[in-house]
């Protein structure tokens, strides 16, 4: 058996795995789309469909679904947070900041929302406010290395 023959099975496994993942994603989207048509007023269905678009880096699709979840349940912090994340990734830091702030009004102990709010604030040249958000995230979950690193890094820059 040649070296090329040994590579063929692993290449087929890789192709098969990818095909299953794509097929699985298509089936998930179809199932969620069916659920959306059967339960159009269910914010959780729209969140899950938004997550499906998010995993594919389809920010526009994710934003549509997260906005619908927000519309159906304006007090759902997770919908606000996920919408903020998709907006941030799409390049709308102002929209992201607004959604993160609402998520934090709804759920003040949402460490990930504090951390993610700090990111656009820092990039928009507002280090003191970003530092407050990083600190809040770190205080809520001191074991999270990302929160710690963001807080310590910006703290050193601000206190120079």
C-alpha atoms as a PDB file:
ATOM      1  CA  UNK A   1       0.000   0.000   0.000  1.00  0.00           C
ATOM      2  CA  UNK A   2       1.478   3.337  -1.015  1.00  0.00           C
ATOM      3  CA  UNK A   3       1.603   6.482   1.120  1.00  0.00           C
ATOM      4  CA  UNK A   4      -1.072   8.034  -1.124  1.00  0.00           C
ATOM      5  CA  UNK A   5      -3.370   5.063  -0.423  1.00  0.00           C
ATOM      6  CA  UNK A   6      -3.065   5.741   3.313  1.00  0.00           C
ATOM      7  CA  UNK A   7      -4.160   9.359   2.814  1.00  0.00           C
ATOM      8  CA  UNK A   8      -7.298   8.491   0.850  1.00  0.00           C
ATOM      9  CA  UNK A   9      -9.284   7.072   3.807  1.00  0.00           C
ATOM     10  CA  UNK A  10      -8.492  10.067   6.026  1.00  0.00           C
ATOM     11  CA  UNK A  11      -9.445  12.446   3.203  1.00  0.00           C
ATOM     12  CA  UNK A  12     -12.738  10.587   2.756  1.00  0.00           C
ATOM     13  CA  UNK A  13     -13.396  10.736   6.492  1.00  0.00           C
ATOM     14  CA  UNK A  14     -12.749  14.506   6.458  1.00  0.00           C
ATOM     15  CA  UNK A  15     -15.092  15.007   3.483  1.00  0.00           C
ATOM     16  CA  UNK A  16     -17.736  12.781   5.050  1.00  0.00           C
ATOM     17  CA  UNK A  17     -17.497  14.586   8.377  1.00  0.00           C
ATOM     18  CA  UNK A  18     -17.879  17.947   6.671  1.00  0.00           C
ATOM     19  CA  UNK A  19     -20.851  16.694   4.651  1.00  0.00           C
ATOM     20  CA  UNK A  20     -22.537  15.428   7.819  1.00  0.00           C
ATOM     21  CA  UNK A  21     -21.925  18.746   9.563  1.00  0.00           C
ATOM     22  CA  UNK A  22     -23.400  20.702   6.640  1.00  0.00           C
ATOM     23  CA  UNK A  23     -26.348  18.315   6.358  1.00  0.00           C
ATOM     24  CA  UNK A  24     -26.899  18.521  10.106  1.00  0.00           C
ATOM     25  CA  UNK A  25     -26.847  22.341   9.972  1.00  0.00           C
ATOM     26  CA  UNK A  26     -29.343  22.306   7.087  1.00  0.00           C
ATOM     27  CA  UNK A  27     -31.637  19.970   9.013  1.00  0.00           C
ATOM     28  CA  UNK A  28     -31.359  22.144  12.122  1.00  0.00           C
ATOM     29  CA  UNK A  29     -32.241  25.263  10.122  1.00  0.00           C
ATOM     30  CA  UNK A  30     -35.173  23.505   8.472  1.00  0.00           C
ATOM     31  CA  UNK A  31     -36.432  22.272  11.823  1.00  0.00           C
ATOM     32  CA  UNK A  32     -36.119  25.718  13.365  1.00  0.00           C
ATOM     33  CA  UNK A  33     -37.794  27.321  10.347  1.00  0.00           C
ATOM     34  CA  UNK A  34     -40.663  24.855  10.752  1.00  0.00           C
ATOM     35  CA  UNK A  35     -40.836  25.628  14.472  1.00  0.00           C
ATOM     36  CA  UNK A  36     -40.871  29.338  13.621  1.00  0.00           C
ATOM     37  CA  UNK A  37     -43.821  28.832  11.272  1.00  0.00           C
ATOM     38  CA  UNK A  38     -45.669  26.731  13.867  1.00  0.00           C
ATOM     39  CA  UNK A  39     -44.774  28.995  16.818  1.00  0.00           C
ATOM     40  CA  UNK A  40     -44.190  32.455  15.343  1.00  0.00           C
ATOM     41  CA  UNK A  41     -44.497  34.120  18.735  1.00  0.00           C
ATOM     42  CA  UNK A  42     -41.832  32.048  20.497  1.00  0.00           C
ATOM     43  CA  UNK A  43     -38.743  34.155  21.185  1.00  0.00           C
ATOM     44  CA  UNK A  44     -36.674  31.049  22.031  1.00  0.00           C
ATOM     45  CA  UNK A  45     -37.215  29.648  18.527  1.00  0.00           C
ATOM     46  CA  UNK A  46     -35.901  32.886  17.034  1.00  0.00           C
ATOM     47  CA  UNK A  47     -32.918  32.839  19.398  1.00  0.00           C
ATOM     48  CA  UNK A  48     -32.005  29.335  18.271  1.00  0.00           C
ATOM     49  CA  UNK A  49     -32.446  30.199  14.621  1.00  0.00           C
ATOM     50  CA  UNK A  50     -30.278  33.283  15.180  1.00  0.00           C
ATOM     51  CA  UNK A  51     -27.652  31.037  16.756  1.00  0.00           C
ATOM     52  CA  UNK A  52     -27.719  28.861  13.647  1.00  0.00           C
ATOM     53  CA  UNK A  53     -27.015  31.892  11.443  1.00  0.00           C
ATOM     54  CA  UNK A  54     -24.370  33.077  13.911  1.00  0.00           C
ATOM     55  CA  UNK A  55     -22.466  29.785  13.710  1.00  0.00           C
ATOM     56  CA  UNK A  56     -22.289  30.256   9.936  1.00  0.00           C
ATOM     57  CA  UNK A  57     -21.018  33.849  10.373  1.00  0.00           C
ATOM     58  CA  UNK A  58     -24.202  35.092   8.684  1.00  0.00           C
ATOM     59  CA  UNK A  59     -24.485  38.264  10.774  1.00  0.00           C
ATOM     60  CA  UNK A  60     -27.427  39.630   8.776  1.00  0.00           C
ATOM     61  CA  UNK A  61     -29.470  36.462   9.307  1.00  0.00           C
ATOM     62  CA  UNK A  62     -28.540  36.357  12.984  1.00  0.00           C
ATOM     63  CA  UNK A  63     -29.475  40.012  13.450  1.00  0.00           C
ATOM     64  CA  UNK A  64     -32.909  39.478  11.862  1.00  0.00           C
ATOM     65  CA  UNK A  65     -33.672  36.551  14.173  1.00  0.00           C
ATOM     66  CA  UNK A  66     -32.269  38.158  17.322  1.00  0.00           C
ATOM     67  CA  UNK A  67     -34.275  41.324  16.597  1.00  0.00           C
ATOM     68  CA  UNK A  68     -37.403  39.229  16.256  1.00  0.00           C
ATOM     69  CA  UNK A  69     -36.637  37.503  19.579  1.00  0.00           C
ATOM     70  CA  UNK A  70     -36.118  40.960  21.132  1.00  0.00           C
ATOM     71  CA  UNK A  71     -39.411  42.143  19.643  1.00  0.00           C
ATOM     72  CA  UNK A  72     -41.269  39.127  21.023  1.00  0.00           C
ATOM     73  CA  UNK A  73     -39.676  39.376  24.462  1.00  0.00           C
ATOM     74  CA  UNK A  74     -38.045  42.770  25.123  1.00  0.00           C
ATOM     75  CA  UNK A  75     -37.010  41.619  28.606  1.00  0.00           C
ATOM     76  CA  UNK A  76     -34.963  38.663  27.411  1.00  0.00           C
ATOM     77  CA  UNK A  77     -31.374  39.623  28.293  1.00  0.00           C
ATOM     78  CA  UNK A  78     -29.929  36.817  26.172  1.00  0.00           C
ATOM     79  CA  UNK A  79     -31.638  38.162  23.030  1.00  0.00           C
ATOM     80  CA  UNK A  80     -30.275  41.648  23.733  1.00  0.00           C
ATOM     81  CA  UNK A  81     -26.788  40.296  24.353  1.00  0.00           C
ATOM     82  CA  UNK A  82     -26.725  38.114  21.239  1.00  0.00           C
ATOM     83  CA  UNK A  83     -28.077  40.943  19.108  1.00  0.00           C
ATOM     84  CA  UNK A  84     -25.318  43.165  20.486  1.00  0.00           C
ATOM     85  CA  UNK A  85     -22.708  40.560  19.626  1.00  0.00           C
ATOM     86  CA  UNK A  86     -23.973  40.141  16.054  1.00  0.00           C
ATOM     87  CA  UNK A  87     -24.113  43.920  15.599  1.00  0.00           C
ATOM     88  CA  UNK A  88     -20.572  44.247  16.928  1.00  0.00           C
ATOM     89  CA  UNK A  89     -19.304  41.601  14.529  1.00  0.00           C
ATOM     90  CA  UNK A  90     -21.145  43.278  11.654  1.00  0.00           C
ATOM     91  CA  UNK A  91     -19.352  46.546  12.442  1.00  0.00           C
ATOM     92  CA  UNK A  92     -22.032  48.478  14.320  1.00  0.00           C
ATOM     93  CA  UNK A  93     -20.403  49.327  17.671  1.00  0.00           C
ATOM     94  CA  UNK A  94     -23.071  51.889  18.612  1.00  0.00           C
ATOM     95  CA  UNK A  95     -25.848  49.349  18.109  1.00  0.00           C
ATOM     96  CA  UNK A  96     -23.857  46.747  20.029  1.00  0.00           C
ATOM     97  CA  UNK A  97     -23.273  49.118  22.943  1.00  0.00           C
ATOM     98  CA  UNK A  98     -26.976  49.961  23.126  1.00  0.00           C
ATOM     99  CA  UNK A  99     -27.997  46.279  23.189  1.00  0.00           C
ATOM    100  CA  UNK A 100     -25.338  45.304  25.739  1.00  0.00           C
ATOM    101  CA  UNK A 101     -26.518  48.126  28.014  1.00  0.00           C
ATOM    102  CA  UNK A 102     -30.121  46.948  27.847  1.00  0.00           C
ATOM    103  CA  UNK A 103     -28.990  43.366  28.526  1.00  0.00           C
ATOM    104  CA  UNK A 104     -27.157  44.629  31.613  1.00  0.00           C
ATOM    105  CA  UNK A 105     -30.179  46.602  32.838  1.00  0.00           C
ATOM    106  CA  UNK A 106     -32.166  43.376  32.574  1.00  0.00           C
ATOM    107  CA  UNK A 107     -29.444  41.202  34.102  1.00  0.00           C
ATOM    108  CA  UNK A 108     -26.821  43.259  35.988  1.00  0.00           C
ATOM    109  CA  UNK A 109     -24.728  40.185  36.879  1.00  0.00           C
ATOM    110  CA  UNK A 110     -24.195  39.190  33.211  1.00  0.00           C
ATOM    111  CA  UNK A 111     -20.380  39.014  33.245  1.00  0.00           C
ATOM    112  CA  UNK A 112     -20.025  38.258  29.551  1.00  0.00           C
ATOM    113  CA  UNK A 113     -22.162  41.284  28.638  1.00  0.00           C
ATOM    114  CA  UNK A 114     -19.965  43.513  30.828  1.00  0.00           C
ATOM    115  CA  UNK A 115     -16.849  42.178  29.116  1.00  0.00           C
ATOM    116  CA  UNK A 116     -18.288  42.504  25.624  1.00  0.00           C
ATOM    117  CA  UNK A 117     -19.506  46.035  26.332  1.00  0.00           C
ATOM    118  CA  UNK A 118     -15.937  46.927  27.264  1.00  0.00           C
ATOM    119  CA  UNK A 119     -14.626  45.913  23.834  1.00  0.00           C
ATOM    120  CA  UNK A 120     -16.372  48.517  21.647  1.00  0.00           C
ATOM    121  CA  UNK A 121     -15.989  51.136  24.372  1.00  0.00           C
ATOM    122  CA  UNK A 122     -12.245  50.546  24.380  1.00  0.00           C
ATOM    123  CA  UNK A 123     -12.041  50.689  20.597  1.00  0.00           C
ATOM    124  CA  UNK A 124     -14.113  53.871  20.534  1.00  0.00           C
ATOM    125  CA  UNK A 125     -11.491  55.517  22.744  1.00  0.00           C
ATOM    126  CA  UNK A 126     -13.372  55.419  26.029  1.00  0.00           C
ATOM    127  CA  UNK A 127     -10.874  53.528  28.218  1.00  0.00           C
ATOM    128  CA  UNK A 128     -12.273  54.624  31.616  1.00  0.00           C
ATOM    129  CA  UNK A 129     -15.751  53.301  30.840  1.00  0.00           C
ATOM    130  CA  UNK A 130     -14.324  50.173  29.185  1.00  0.00           C
ATOM    131  CA  UNK A 131     -12.219  49.580  32.293  1.00  0.00           C
ATOM    132  CA  UNK A 132     -15.348  49.776  34.475  1.00  0.00           C
ATOM    133  CA  UNK A 133     -16.997  47.095  32.345  1.00  0.00           C
ATOM    134  CA  UNK A 134     -13.938  44.840  32.329  1.00  0.00           C
ATOM    135  CA  UNK A 135     -13.677  45.259  36.094  1.00  0.00           C
ATOM    136  CA  UNK A 136     -17.350  44.369  36.570  1.00  0.00           C
ATOM    137  CA  UNK A 137     -16.903  41.213  34.458  1.00  0.00           C
ATOM    138  CA  UNK A 138     -13.786  40.237  36.386  1.00  0.00           C
ATOM    139  CA  UNK A 139     -15.422  40.855  39.774  1.00  0.00           C
ATOM    140  CA  UNK A 140     -18.435  38.762  38.772  1.00  0.00           C
ATOM    141  CA  UNK A 141     -16.277  35.883  37.534  1.00  0.00           C
ATOM    142  CA  UNK A 142     -12.674  36.173  38.777  1.00  0.00           C
ATOM    143  CA  UNK A 143     -11.795  32.708  37.453  1.00  0.00           C
ATOM    144  CA  UNK A 144     -12.310  33.731  33.829  1.00  0.00           C
ATOM    145  CA  UNK A 145      -8.885  34.406  32.309  1.00  0.00           C
ATOM    146  CA  UNK A 146     -10.216  36.626  29.514  1.00  0.00           C
ATOM    147  CA  UNK A 147     -11.963  38.949  31.956  1.00  0.00           C
ATOM    148  CA  UNK A 148      -8.842  39.084  34.095  1.00  0.00           C
ATOM    149  CA  UNK A 149      -6.548  39.782  31.141  1.00  0.00           C
ATOM    150  CA  UNK A 150      -8.795  42.513  29.713  1.00  0.00           C
ATOM    151  CA  UNK A 151      -9.093  44.206  33.092  1.00  0.00           C
ATOM    152  CA  UNK A 152      -5.382  44.001  33.944  1.00  0.00           C
ATOM    153  CA  UNK A 153      -4.221  45.047  30.466  1.00  0.00           C
ATOM    154  CA  UNK A 154      -6.426  48.123  30.266  1.00  0.00           C
ATOM    155  CA  UNK A 155      -5.854  48.973  33.912  1.00  0.00           C
ATOM    156  CA  UNK A 156      -2.096  49.172  33.260  1.00  0.00           C
ATOM    157  CA  UNK A 157      -2.659  51.376  30.216  1.00  0.00           C
ATOM    158  CA  UNK A 158      -5.058  53.741  31.980  1.00  0.00           C
ATOM    159  CA  UNK A 159      -2.888  54.032  35.106  1.00  0.00           C
ATOM    160  CA  UNK A 160       0.351  54.862  33.248  1.00  0.00           C
END
